[in-house]
Amino acid sequence: MQLYNFFPLVSFLLFILLIVRKIIILKKKGVPVSSKAKKGSFIKYLLYPIFLLILVLFIFELIRPALNITNSVLPQFFVTPLLNIFLLKVLGTIITIGSLIFFALTLQNFNKSLRFGMDSENLGGLITNGVFSISRNPFFISIILYFKGIALIYLSPFFIIFAALTMVSIHSFILKEEKFLQKNYGSEYEEYAKNVRRYF
């Protein structure tokens, strides 16, 4: 079995493991990582189910080549590679590995400030050192790079569209989060934003 048949699945499991490990460490220290802010009906009953469905499809498409499953729940043209260039697969693998390393560094640099969701009642300290000194959003950059790497490995319309949607939705979230940070950290965040770029 070729490396790129099972590497994406293993890398995704490692990606999840890194997040789960960090959450467990923070919970043991008594740090609440999730937001208690109420979610609107649109997010709760439409966006979350759609996100969950797409995530399940993504995981299945990672499992399929690893276990040599030929059938897909998606139309064939959607999962068929547009190109079969070995060097692009190698590049995708390198980008994916790089994104995981960057992600692990980001989680370490978060210290006790990792939070999921925007909640003024549950703020961590503003992190500006480590990887946060070269980017205001290393967490999201890691995710974008990861899905770009996976898209290069497979080069199918499904993974390319998935990577593109990830980029658009993350950028939209970052813009909202910037307003939240500006409101809650004020001049401290403004000074940080002046010196460090949104991405790189």
N, C-alpha and C. Protein backbone atom coordinates (compact mmCIF):
# COMPACT_ATOMS: atom_id res chain seq x y z
N MET A 1 0.86 -1.20 0.00
CA MET A 1 0.00 0.00 0.00
C MET A 1 0.89 1.25 0.00
N GLN A 2 0.62 2.18 -0.90
CA GLN A 2 1.45 3.37 -1.01
C GLN A 2 1.18 4.32 0.16
N LEU A 3 2.22 5.09 0.48
CA LEU A 3 2.17 5.99 1.64
C LEU A 3 0.97 6.91 1.60
N TYR A 4 0.71 7.53 0.44
CA TYR A 4 -0.36 8.52 0.38
C TYR A 4 -1.76 7.90 0.48
N ASN A 5 -1.86 6.56 0.51
CA ASN A 5 -3.17 5.92 0.71
C ASN A 5 -3.59 5.93 2.17
N PHE A 6 -2.64 5.85 3.09
CA PHE A 6 -3.01 5.81 4.51
C PHE A 6 -2.51 7.01 5.31
N PHE A 7 -1.51 7.73 4.77
CA PHE A 7 -0.97 8.88 5.50
C PHE A 7 -2.04 9.92 5.85
N PRO A 8 -2.94 10.32 4.91
CA PRO A 8 -3.95 11.34 5.27
C PRO A 8 -4.82 10.94 6.46
N LEU A 9 -5.21 9.67 6.51
CA LEU A 9 -6.04 9.21 7.64
C LEU A 9 -5.25 9.27 8.94
N VAL A 10 -4.02 8.79 8.92
CA VAL A 10 -3.17 8.81 10.13
C VAL A 10 -2.93 10.26 10.57
N SER A 11 -2.68 11.14 9.60
CA SER A 11 -2.42 12.55 9.93
C SER A 11 -3.66 13.20 10.55
N PHE A 12 -4.85 12.85 10.05
CA PHE A 12 -6.08 13.42 10.61
C PHE A 12 -6.29 12.94 12.05
N LEU A 13 -6.02 11.66 12.28
CA LEU A 13 -6.15 11.11 13.64
C LEU A 13 -5.16 11.80 14.58
N LEU A 14 -3.96 12.08 14.09
CA LEU A 14 -2.96 12.79 14.89
C LEU A 14 -3.41 14.21 15.18
N PHE A 15 -3.99 14.85 14.18
CA PHE A 15 -4.54 16.20 14.30
C PHE A 15 -5.57 16.27 15.43
N ILE A 16 -6.51 15.31 15.41
CA ILE A 16 -7.56 15.23 16.44
C ILE A 16 -6.94 14.93 17.80
N LEU A 17 -5.97 14.01 17.81
CA LEU A 17 -5.31 13.61 19.06
C LEU A 17 -4.62 14.80 19.73
N LEU A 18 -3.98 15.66 18.93
CA LEU A 18 -3.31 16.85 19.47
C LEU A 18 -4.31 17.77 20.18
N ILE A 19 -5.48 17.96 19.55
CA ILE A 19 -6.52 18.82 20.15
C ILE A 19 -7.06 18.19 21.43
N VAL A 20 -7.41 16.90 21.35
CA VAL A 20 -7.99 16.21 22.51
C VAL A 20 -7.01 16.21 23.68
N ARG A 21 -5.73 15.96 23.39
CA ARG A 21 -4.71 15.96 24.44
C ARG A 21 -4.64 17.33 25.13
N LYS A 22 -4.66 18.40 24.34
CA LYS A 22 -4.59 19.75 24.91
C LYS A 22 -5.82 20.04 25.78
N ILE A 23 -6.99 19.64 25.30
CA ILE A 23 -8.24 19.86 26.05
C ILE A 23 -8.19 19.13 27.39
N ILE A 24 -7.72 17.87 27.36
CA ILE A 24 -7.63 17.06 28.59
C ILE A 24 -6.67 17.71 29.59
N ILE A 25 -5.52 18.17 29.10
CA ILE A 25 -4.53 18.83 29.96
C ILE A 25 -5.13 20.07 30.62
N LEU A 26 -5.83 20.89 29.81
CA LEU A 26 -6.43 22.11 30.35
C LEU A 26 -7.55 21.82 31.34
N LYS A 27 -8.35 20.80 31.04
CA LYS A 27 -9.45 20.45 31.95
C LYS A 27 -8.92 19.95 33.28
N LYS A 28 -7.81 19.23 33.24
CA LYS A 28 -7.20 18.76 34.49
C LYS A 28 -6.71 19.93 35.34
N LYS A 29 -6.36 21.03 34.66
CA LYS A 29 -5.92 22.23 35.37
C LYS A 29 -7.10 23.14 35.74
N GLY A 30 -8.31 22.68 35.43
CA GLY A 30 -9.51 23.45 35.77
C GLY A 30 -9.81 24.59 34.82
N VAL A 31 -9.25 24.55 33.60
CA VAL A 31 -9.47 25.61 32.63
C VAL A 31 -10.66 25.25 31.73
N PRO A 32 -11.72 26.07 31.74
CA PRO A 32 -12.87 25.79 30.86
C PRO A 32 -12.55 26.22 29.42
N VAL A 33 -12.49 25.26 28.49
CA VAL A 33 -12.07 25.60 27.12
C VAL A 33 -13.24 25.91 26.17
N SER A 34 -14.44 25.48 26.56
CA SER A 34 -15.58 25.71 25.65
C SER A 34 -16.42 26.89 26.11
N SER A 35 -17.02 27.54 25.12
CA SER A 35 -17.86 28.71 25.38
C SER A 35 -19.21 28.28 25.93
N LYS A 36 -19.72 29.07 26.90
CA LYS A 36 -21.06 28.80 27.43
C LYS A 36 -22.07 29.77 26.83
N ALA A 37 -21.60 30.59 25.88
CA ALA A 37 -22.51 31.54 25.23
C ALA A 37 -23.55 30.77 24.42
N LYS A 38 -24.79 31.27 24.43
CA LYS A 38 -25.88 30.59 23.72
C LYS A 38 -25.68 30.71 22.21
N LYS A 39 -25.95 29.60 21.52
CA LYS A 39 -25.85 29.58 20.06
C LYS A 39 -27.24 29.85 19.48
N GLY A 40 -27.28 30.60 18.39
CA GLY A 40 -28.55 30.89 17.71
C GLY A 40 -29.11 29.65 17.03
N SER A 41 -30.38 29.68 16.71
CA SER A 41 -31.04 28.54 16.05
C SER A 41 -30.40 28.21 14.71
N PHE A 42 -29.99 29.24 13.96
CA PHE A 42 -29.38 29.03 12.64
C PHE A 42 -28.11 28.19 12.77
N ILE A 43 -27.28 28.55 13.76
CA ILE A 43 -26.02 27.82 13.98
C ILE A 43 -26.31 26.41 14.50
N LYS A 44 -27.21 26.34 15.47
CA LYS A 44 -27.49 25.08 16.16
C LYS A 44 -28.17 24.04 15.27
N TYR A 45 -29.16 24.47 14.50
CA TYR A 45 -29.98 23.52 13.75
C TYR A 45 -29.68 23.44 12.26
N LEU A 46 -28.85 24.35 11.75
CA LEU A 46 -28.52 24.29 10.32
C LEU A 46 -27.02 24.15 10.10
N LEU A 47 -26.23 25.09 10.61
CA LEU A 47 -24.79 25.06 10.35
C LEU A 47 -24.10 23.84 10.97
N TYR A 48 -24.40 23.54 12.23
CA TYR A 48 -23.76 22.40 12.89
C TYR A 48 -24.06 21.07 12.19
N PRO A 49 -25.33 20.78 11.86
CA PRO A 49 -25.61 19.52 11.16
C PRO A 49 -24.93 19.44 9.78
N ILE A 50 -24.89 20.55 9.05
CA ILE A 50 -24.23 20.56 7.73
C ILE A 50 -22.73 20.31 7.92
N PHE A 51 -22.12 21.00 8.90
CA PHE A 51 -20.71 20.81 9.20
C PHE A 51 -20.41 19.36 9.56
N LEU A 52 -21.27 18.77 10.40
CA LEU A 52 -21.09 17.38 10.83
C LEU A 52 -21.18 16.42 9.64
N LEU A 53 -22.14 16.64 8.75
CA LEU A 53 -22.30 15.79 7.57
C LEU A 53 -21.06 15.86 6.68
N ILE A 54 -20.58 17.07 6.42
CA ILE A 54 -19.39 17.25 5.57
C ILE A 54 -18.17 16.61 6.23
N LEU A 55 -18.05 16.74 7.55
CA LEU A 55 -16.93 16.14 8.28
C LEU A 55 -16.96 14.61 8.17
N VAL A 56 -18.15 14.02 8.29
CA VAL A 56 -18.30 12.56 8.17
C VAL A 56 -17.89 12.11 6.76
N LEU A 57 -18.31 12.87 5.74
CA LEU A 57 -17.92 12.56 4.35
C LEU A 57 -16.41 12.66 4.20
N PHE A 58 -15.82 13.69 4.80
CA PHE A 58 -14.37 13.89 4.73
C PHE A 58 -13.65 12.69 5.34
N ILE A 59 -14.07 12.27 6.54
CA ILE A 59 -13.44 11.14 7.22
C ILE A 59 -13.59 9.86 6.40
N PHE A 60 -14.80 9.66 5.84
CA PHE A 60 -15.03 8.46 5.02
C PHE A 60 -14.11 8.44 3.81
N GLU A 61 -13.92 9.62 3.19
CA GLU A 61 -13.04 9.70 2.01
C GLU A 61 -11.57 9.50 2.38
N LEU A 62 -11.21 9.74 3.65
CA LEU A 62 -9.86 9.42 4.12
C LEU A 62 -9.72 7.92 4.37
N ILE A 63 -10.78 7.32 4.91
CA ILE A 63 -10.77 5.88 5.23
C ILE A 63 -10.76 5.04 3.96
N ARG A 64 -11.49 5.48 2.95
CA ARG A 64 -11.71 4.71 1.71
C ARG A 64 -10.41 4.22 1.06
N PRO A 65 -9.46 5.13 0.73
CA PRO A 65 -8.23 4.63 0.12
C PRO A 65 -7.35 3.83 1.08
N ALA A 66 -7.39 4.20 2.37
CA ALA A 66 -6.57 3.49 3.36
C ALA A 66 -6.99 2.03 3.48
N LEU A 67 -8.29 1.78 3.39
CA LEU A 67 -8.81 0.40 3.50
C LEU A 67 -9.15 -0.21 2.14
N ASN A 68 -8.76 0.51 1.08
CA ASN A 68 -8.99 0.03 -0.29
C ASN A 68 -10.47 -0.20 -0.59
N ILE A 69 -11.33 0.71 -0.11
CA ILE A 69 -12.77 0.65 -0.40
C ILE A 69 -12.99 1.41 -1.71
N THR A 70 -13.55 0.73 -2.70
CA THR A 70 -13.69 1.36 -4.02
C THR A 70 -14.93 2.24 -4.13
N ASN A 71 -16.00 1.86 -3.45
CA ASN A 71 -17.25 2.62 -3.56
C ASN A 71 -17.25 3.85 -2.65
N SER A 72 -17.88 4.91 -3.15
CA SER A 72 -18.04 6.14 -2.36
C SER A 72 -19.51 6.52 -2.34
N VAL A 73 -19.92 7.23 -1.29
CA VAL A 73 -21.29 7.73 -1.22
C VAL A 73 -21.46 8.95 -2.12
N LEU A 74 -20.34 9.53 -2.53
CA LEU A 74 -20.36 10.70 -3.40
C LEU A 74 -20.30 10.27 -4.87
N PRO A 75 -20.76 11.12 -5.80
CA PRO A 75 -20.63 10.80 -7.22
C PRO A 75 -19.17 10.57 -7.60
N GLN A 76 -18.93 9.67 -8.54
CA GLN A 76 -17.57 9.28 -8.90
C GLN A 76 -16.69 10.44 -9.36
N PHE A 77 -17.26 11.36 -10.15
CA PHE A 77 -16.44 12.48 -10.65
C PHE A 77 -15.94 13.36 -9.51
N PHE A 78 -16.67 13.33 -8.39
CA PHE A 78 -16.35 14.16 -7.24
C PHE A 78 -15.13 13.65 -6.48
N VAL A 79 -14.90 12.34 -6.56
CA VAL A 79 -13.81 11.72 -5.78
C VAL A 79 -12.67 11.21 -6.66
N THR A 80 -12.79 11.39 -7.97
CA THR A 80 -11.74 10.96 -8.89
C THR A 80 -10.68 12.05 -9.00
N PRO A 81 -9.39 11.68 -8.82
CA PRO A 81 -8.33 12.70 -8.93
C PRO A 81 -8.33 13.38 -10.30
N LEU A 82 -8.14 14.70 -10.29
CA LEU A 82 -8.09 15.45 -11.54
C LEU A 82 -6.74 15.22 -12.22
N LEU A 83 -5.69 15.04 -11.42
CA LEU A 83 -4.34 14.76 -11.91
C LEU A 83 -3.73 13.68 -11.04
N ASN A 84 -2.76 12.96 -11.60
CA ASN A 84 -2.06 11.95 -10.80
C ASN A 84 -0.56 12.23 -10.90
N ILE A 85 -0.14 13.28 -10.20
CA ILE A 85 1.26 13.71 -10.26
C ILE A 85 1.91 13.42 -8.91
N PHE A 86 2.91 12.54 -8.94
CA PHE A 86 3.56 12.08 -7.71
C PHE A 86 4.17 13.24 -6.93
N LEU A 87 4.80 14.19 -7.62
CA LEU A 87 5.44 15.32 -6.94
C LEU A 87 4.43 16.17 -6.15
N LEU A 88 3.21 16.29 -6.67
CA LEU A 88 2.17 17.03 -5.93
C LEU A 88 1.77 16.29 -4.67
N LYS A 89 1.75 14.96 -4.75
CA LYS A 89 1.44 14.15 -3.56
C LYS A 89 2.54 14.32 -2.51
N VAL A 90 3.79 14.35 -2.97
CA VAL A 90 4.92 14.55 -2.06
C VAL A 90 4.83 15.94 -1.43
N LEU A 91 4.54 16.96 -2.25
CA LEU A 91 4.38 18.32 -1.74
C LEU A 91 3.25 18.39 -0.72
N GLY A 92 2.12 17.74 -1.03
CA GLY A 92 0.98 17.69 -0.11
C GLY A 92 1.34 17.04 1.21
N THR A 93 2.12 15.97 1.14
CA THR A 93 2.56 15.26 2.35
C THR A 93 3.46 16.16 3.20
N ILE A 94 4.38 16.88 2.55
CA ILE A 94 5.29 17.80 3.27
C ILE A 94 4.49 18.93 3.93
N ILE A 95 3.53 19.50 3.20
CA ILE A 95 2.70 20.59 3.75
C ILE A 95 1.87 20.08 4.94
N THR A 96 1.34 18.87 4.80
CA THR A 96 0.53 18.28 5.88
C THR A 96 1.37 18.05 7.13
N ILE A 97 2.57 17.50 6.96
CA ILE A 97 3.46 17.27 8.11
C ILE A 97 3.84 18.62 8.73
N GLY A 98 4.18 19.60 7.89
CA GLY A 98 4.52 20.93 8.39
C GLY A 98 3.38 21.56 9.17
N SER A 99 2.15 21.38 8.68
CA SER A 99 0.98 21.95 9.36
C SER A 99 0.77 21.32 10.73
N LEU A 100 1.03 20.01 10.83
CA LEU A 100 0.88 19.31 12.12
C LEU A 100 1.92 19.80 13.13
N ILE A 101 3.14 20.02 12.66
CA ILE A 101 4.20 20.54 13.55
C ILE A 101 3.83 21.94 14.02
N PHE A 102 3.39 22.78 13.07
CA PHE A 102 2.99 24.15 13.39
C PHE A 102 1.79 24.16 14.35
N PHE A 103 0.87 23.21 14.15
CA PHE A 103 -0.31 23.08 14.99
C PHE A 103 0.08 22.71 16.42
N ALA A 104 1.02 21.75 16.54
CA ALA A 104 1.49 21.32 17.86
C ALA A 104 2.17 22.47 18.59
N LEU A 105 2.99 23.25 17.87
CA LEU A 105 3.65 24.42 18.47
C LEU A 105 2.62 25.46 18.93
N THR A 106 1.59 25.65 18.10
CA THR A 106 0.54 26.62 18.43
C THR A 106 -0.18 26.21 19.71
N LEU A 107 -0.55 24.93 19.81
CA LEU A 107 -1.24 24.45 21.00
C LEU A 107 -0.37 24.62 22.24
N GLN A 108 0.94 24.38 22.08
CA GLN A 108 1.86 24.56 23.20
C GLN A 108 1.93 26.04 23.60
N ASN A 109 2.02 26.93 22.61
CA ASN A 109 2.13 28.38 22.88
C ASN A 109 0.84 28.96 23.45
N PHE A 110 -0.29 28.30 23.21
CA PHE A 110 -1.56 28.77 23.78
C PHE A 110 -1.52 28.76 25.31
N ASN A 111 -0.68 27.86 25.85
CA ASN A 111 -0.60 27.71 27.29
C ASN A 111 -1.98 27.41 27.87
N LYS A 112 -2.54 28.32 28.72
CA LYS A 112 -3.87 28.08 29.30
C LYS A 112 -4.95 28.92 28.62
N SER A 113 -4.63 29.53 27.48
CA SER A 113 -5.56 30.49 26.86
C SER A 113 -6.41 29.90 25.73
N LEU A 114 -6.29 28.61 25.46
CA LEU A 114 -7.09 28.02 24.37
C LEU A 114 -8.57 28.05 24.74
N ARG A 115 -9.38 28.61 23.84
CA ARG A 115 -10.84 28.67 24.02
C ARG A 115 -11.50 28.34 22.69
N PHE A 116 -12.59 27.59 22.76
CA PHE A 116 -13.39 27.31 21.57
C PHE A 116 -14.68 28.11 21.66
N GLY A 117 -14.87 29.04 20.74
CA GLY A 117 -16.03 29.91 20.78
C GLY A 117 -15.66 31.25 21.41
N MET A 118 -16.49 32.22 21.18
CA MET A 118 -16.24 33.57 21.70
C MET A 118 -17.18 33.85 22.86
N ASP A 119 -16.60 33.95 24.04
CA ASP A 119 -17.38 34.14 25.26
C ASP A 119 -16.66 35.14 26.16
N SER A 120 -17.26 36.32 26.32
CA SER A 120 -16.66 37.37 27.15
C SER A 120 -16.53 36.96 28.60
N GLU A 121 -17.32 35.96 29.01
CA GLU A 121 -17.29 35.49 30.41
C GLU A 121 -16.16 34.48 30.63
N ASN A 122 -15.54 34.03 29.52
CA ASN A 122 -14.51 33.00 29.63
C ASN A 122 -13.32 33.37 28.73
N LEU A 123 -12.58 34.38 29.18
CA LEU A 123 -11.44 34.86 28.41
C LEU A 123 -10.13 34.29 28.95
N GLY A 124 -9.26 33.92 28.04
CA GLY A 124 -7.90 33.57 28.45
C GLY A 124 -7.04 34.82 28.25
N GLY A 125 -5.79 34.74 28.61
CA GLY A 125 -4.89 35.87 28.37
C GLY A 125 -4.59 35.99 26.89
N LEU A 126 -4.29 37.19 26.43
CA LEU A 126 -3.93 37.41 25.03
C LEU A 126 -2.50 36.92 24.82
N ILE A 127 -2.33 35.94 23.95
CA ILE A 127 -1.00 35.36 23.69
C ILE A 127 -0.36 36.10 22.52
N THR A 128 0.85 36.59 22.73
CA THR A 128 1.55 37.35 21.69
C THR A 128 2.97 36.85 21.44
N ASN A 129 3.39 35.82 22.16
CA ASN A 129 4.76 35.31 21.99
C ASN A 129 4.76 33.99 21.22
N GLY A 130 5.96 33.43 21.02
CA GLY A 130 6.08 32.17 20.27
C GLY A 130 5.60 32.33 18.84
N VAL A 131 4.83 31.35 18.36
CA VAL A 131 4.33 31.43 16.98
C VAL A 131 3.34 32.59 16.81
N PHE A 132 2.78 33.06 17.92
CA PHE A 132 1.85 34.20 17.86
C PHE A 132 2.58 35.52 17.60
N SER A 133 3.90 35.49 17.64
CA SER A 133 4.66 36.70 17.33
C SER A 133 4.91 36.83 15.82
N ILE A 134 4.60 35.76 15.06
CA ILE A 134 4.75 35.83 13.60
C ILE A 134 3.40 35.80 12.88
N SER A 135 2.36 35.42 13.61
CA SER A 135 1.01 35.40 13.04
C SER A 135 -0.01 35.54 14.16
N ARG A 136 -1.09 36.29 13.89
CA ARG A 136 -2.14 36.42 14.91
C ARG A 136 -3.04 35.19 14.92
N ASN A 137 -2.95 34.37 13.88
CA ASN A 137 -3.85 33.21 13.77
C ASN A 137 -3.14 31.92 13.39
N PRO A 138 -2.11 31.53 14.15
CA PRO A 138 -1.39 30.30 13.79
C PRO A 138 -2.25 29.05 13.87
N PHE A 139 -3.23 29.05 14.78
CA PHE A 139 -4.15 27.91 14.92
C PHE A 139 -4.89 27.67 13.60
N PHE A 140 -5.44 28.76 13.06
CA PHE A 140 -6.22 28.66 11.82
C PHE A 140 -5.34 28.43 10.60
N ILE A 141 -4.14 29.02 10.60
CA ILE A 141 -3.21 28.80 9.49
C ILE A 141 -2.85 27.32 9.42
N SER A 142 -2.62 26.69 10.58
CA SER A 142 -2.31 25.26 10.62
C SER A 142 -3.42 24.45 9.98
N ILE A 143 -4.66 24.79 10.31
CA ILE A 143 -5.82 24.06 9.77
C ILE A 143 -5.91 24.26 8.25
N ILE A 144 -5.74 25.50 7.79
CA ILE A 144 -5.80 25.79 6.35
C ILE A 144 -4.70 25.02 5.61
N LEU A 145 -3.47 25.06 6.14
CA LEU A 145 -2.37 24.35 5.51
C LEU A 145 -2.62 22.85 5.49
N TYR A 146 -3.17 22.33 6.58
CA TYR A 146 -3.46 20.90 6.66
C TYR A 146 -4.39 20.47 5.53
N PHE A 147 -5.52 21.18 5.38
CA PHE A 147 -6.49 20.78 4.36
C PHE A 147 -5.99 21.05 2.93
N LYS A 148 -5.12 22.05 2.77
CA LYS A 148 -4.49 22.27 1.47
C LYS A 148 -3.57 21.09 1.13
N GLY A 149 -2.82 20.64 2.14
CA GLY A 149 -1.94 19.48 1.95
C GLY A 149 -2.71 18.24 1.55
N ILE A 150 -3.82 17.99 2.23
CA ILE A 150 -4.66 16.83 1.91
C ILE A 150 -5.22 16.96 0.49
N ALA A 151 -5.63 18.17 0.12
CA ALA A 151 -6.17 18.40 -1.24
C ALA A 151 -5.10 18.11 -2.29
N LEU A 152 -3.85 18.46 -2.02
CA LEU A 152 -2.78 18.18 -2.97
C LEU A 152 -2.48 16.68 -3.08
N ILE A 153 -2.62 15.97 -1.97
CA ILE A 153 -2.38 14.52 -1.99
C ILE A 153 -3.43 13.82 -2.88
N TYR A 154 -4.68 14.21 -2.71
CA TYR A 154 -5.77 13.53 -3.45
C TYR A 154 -6.12 14.20 -4.78
N LEU A 155 -6.07 15.51 -4.82
CA LEU A 155 -6.41 16.29 -6.02
C LEU A 155 -7.75 15.92 -6.64
N SER A 156 -8.72 15.60 -5.80
CA SER A 156 -10.08 15.33 -6.29
C SER A 156 -10.94 16.57 -6.03
N PRO A 157 -12.00 16.77 -6.81
CA PRO A 157 -12.87 17.93 -6.59
C PRO A 157 -13.37 18.03 -5.15
N PHE A 158 -13.68 16.89 -4.53
CA PHE A 158 -14.20 16.91 -3.16
C PHE A 158 -13.21 17.56 -2.20
N PHE A 159 -11.95 17.11 -2.22
CA PHE A 159 -10.95 17.63 -1.29
C PHE A 159 -10.54 19.06 -1.63
N ILE A 160 -10.53 19.40 -2.91
CA ILE A 160 -10.21 20.78 -3.31
C ILE A 160 -11.30 21.73 -2.83
N ILE A 161 -12.56 21.35 -3.03
CA ILE A 161 -13.69 22.17 -2.57
C ILE A 161 -13.70 22.26 -1.05
N PHE A 162 -13.41 21.14 -0.38
CA PHE A 162 -13.36 21.12 1.08
C PHE A 162 -12.31 22.11 1.58
N ALA A 163 -11.12 22.09 0.97
CA ALA A 163 -10.04 23.01 1.37
C ALA A 163 -10.45 24.46 1.12
N ALA A 164 -11.10 24.72 -0.02
CA ALA A 164 -11.54 26.09 -0.35
C ALA A 164 -12.59 26.58 0.64
N LEU A 165 -13.57 25.72 0.96
CA LEU A 165 -14.62 26.09 1.93
C LEU A 165 -14.02 26.34 3.31
N THR A 166 -13.02 25.54 3.67
CA THR A 166 -12.33 25.73 4.95
C THR A 166 -11.69 27.10 5.02
N MET A 167 -11.00 27.49 3.94
CA MET A 167 -10.34 28.79 3.89
C MET A 167 -11.34 29.93 4.02
N VAL A 168 -12.45 29.84 3.27
CA VAL A 168 -13.46 30.91 3.28
C VAL A 168 -14.11 31.01 4.66
N SER A 169 -14.50 29.87 5.24
CA SER A 169 -15.19 29.90 6.54
C SER A 169 -14.24 30.36 7.65
N ILE A 170 -12.97 29.96 7.60
CA ILE A 170 -12.01 30.39 8.61
C ILE A 170 -11.76 31.89 8.50
N HIS A 171 -11.61 32.39 7.28
CA HIS A 171 -11.39 33.83 7.11
C HIS A 171 -12.57 34.63 7.68
N SER A 172 -13.79 34.14 7.40
CA SER A 172 -15.00 34.79 7.91
C SER A 172 -15.01 34.78 9.44
N PHE A 173 -14.62 33.65 10.04
CA PHE A 173 -14.59 33.54 11.50
C PHE A 173 -13.53 34.46 12.09
N ILE A 174 -12.37 34.54 11.43
CA ILE A 174 -11.28 35.40 11.91
C ILE A 174 -11.74 36.86 11.98
N LEU A 175 -12.46 37.31 10.96
CA LEU A 175 -12.95 38.69 10.94
C LEU A 175 -13.88 38.97 12.13
N LYS A 176 -14.73 37.98 12.45
CA LYS A 176 -15.62 38.12 13.62
C LYS A 176 -14.81 38.11 14.90
N GLU A 177 -13.84 37.21 14.96
CA GLU A 177 -13.04 37.08 16.17
C GLU A 177 -12.21 38.34 16.44
N GLU A 178 -11.75 38.99 15.38
CA GLU A 178 -10.98 40.23 15.54
C GLU A 178 -11.81 41.31 16.24
N LYS A 179 -13.07 41.40 15.88
CA LYS A 179 -13.96 42.38 16.53
C LYS A 179 -14.14 42.02 18.01
N PHE A 180 -14.29 40.72 18.26
CA PHE A 180 -14.44 40.23 19.64
C PHE A 180 -13.19 40.56 20.47
N LEU A 181 -12.01 40.30 19.89
CA LEU A 181 -10.75 40.56 20.60
C LEU A 181 -10.55 42.06 20.84
N GLN A 182 -10.89 42.85 19.83
CA GLN A 182 -10.78 44.32 19.95
C GLN A 182 -11.66 44.82 21.11
N LYS A 183 -12.87 44.27 21.18
CA LYS A 183 -13.83 44.68 22.22
C LYS A 183 -13.36 44.26 23.61
N ASN A 184 -12.79 43.06 23.72
CA ASN A 184 -12.46 42.52 25.04
C ASN A 184 -11.04 42.80 25.52
N TYR A 185 -10.11 43.04 24.58
CA TYR A 185 -8.73 43.30 25.00
C TYR A 185 -8.29 44.73 24.71
N GLY A 186 -9.11 45.48 23.96
CA GLY A 186 -8.87 46.89 23.72
C GLY A 186 -7.50 47.24 23.16
N SER A 187 -6.81 48.17 23.81
CA SER A 187 -5.54 48.70 23.31
C SER A 187 -4.45 47.63 23.26
N GLU A 188 -4.53 46.64 24.15
CA GLU A 188 -3.54 45.54 24.15
C GLU A 188 -3.60 44.80 22.81
N TYR A 189 -4.83 44.50 22.35
CA TYR A 189 -4.99 43.81 21.08
C TYR A 189 -4.65 44.72 19.90
N GLU A 190 -5.04 45.99 19.99
CA GLU A 190 -4.75 46.95 18.91
C GLU A 190 -3.26 47.06 18.66
N GLU A 191 -2.49 47.14 19.74
CA GLU A 191 -1.03 47.24 19.63
C GLU A 191 -0.46 45.97 19.01
N TYR A 192 -0.99 44.83 19.44
CA TYR A 192 -0.55 43.53 18.91
C TYR A 192 -0.86 43.45 17.41
N ALA A 193 -2.08 43.86 17.03
CA ALA A 193 -2.50 43.80 15.62
C ALA A 193 -1.67 44.71 14.72
N LYS A 194 -1.16 45.78 15.29
CA LYS A 194 -0.31 46.72 14.51
C LYS A 194 1.03 46.07 14.15
N ASN A 195 1.53 45.25 15.05
CA ASN A 195 2.88 44.66 14.90
C ASN A 195 2.90 43.27 14.27
N VAL A 196 1.78 42.56 14.34
CA VAL A 196 1.74 41.18 13.83
C VAL A 196 0.61 41.04 12.81
N ARG A 197 0.91 40.45 11.67
CA ARG A 197 -0.09 40.31 10.60
C ARG A 197 -1.16 39.27 10.94
N ARG A 198 -2.29 39.41 10.24
CA ARG A 198 -3.40 38.47 10.43
C ARG A 198 -2.97 37.04 10.10
N TYR A 199 -2.25 36.89 9.01
CA TYR A 199 -1.79 35.55 8.61
C TYR A 199 -0.27 35.45 8.77
N PHE A 200 0.49 35.94 7.80
CA PHE A 200 1.96 35.94 7.93
C PHE A 200 2.50 37.30 7.56
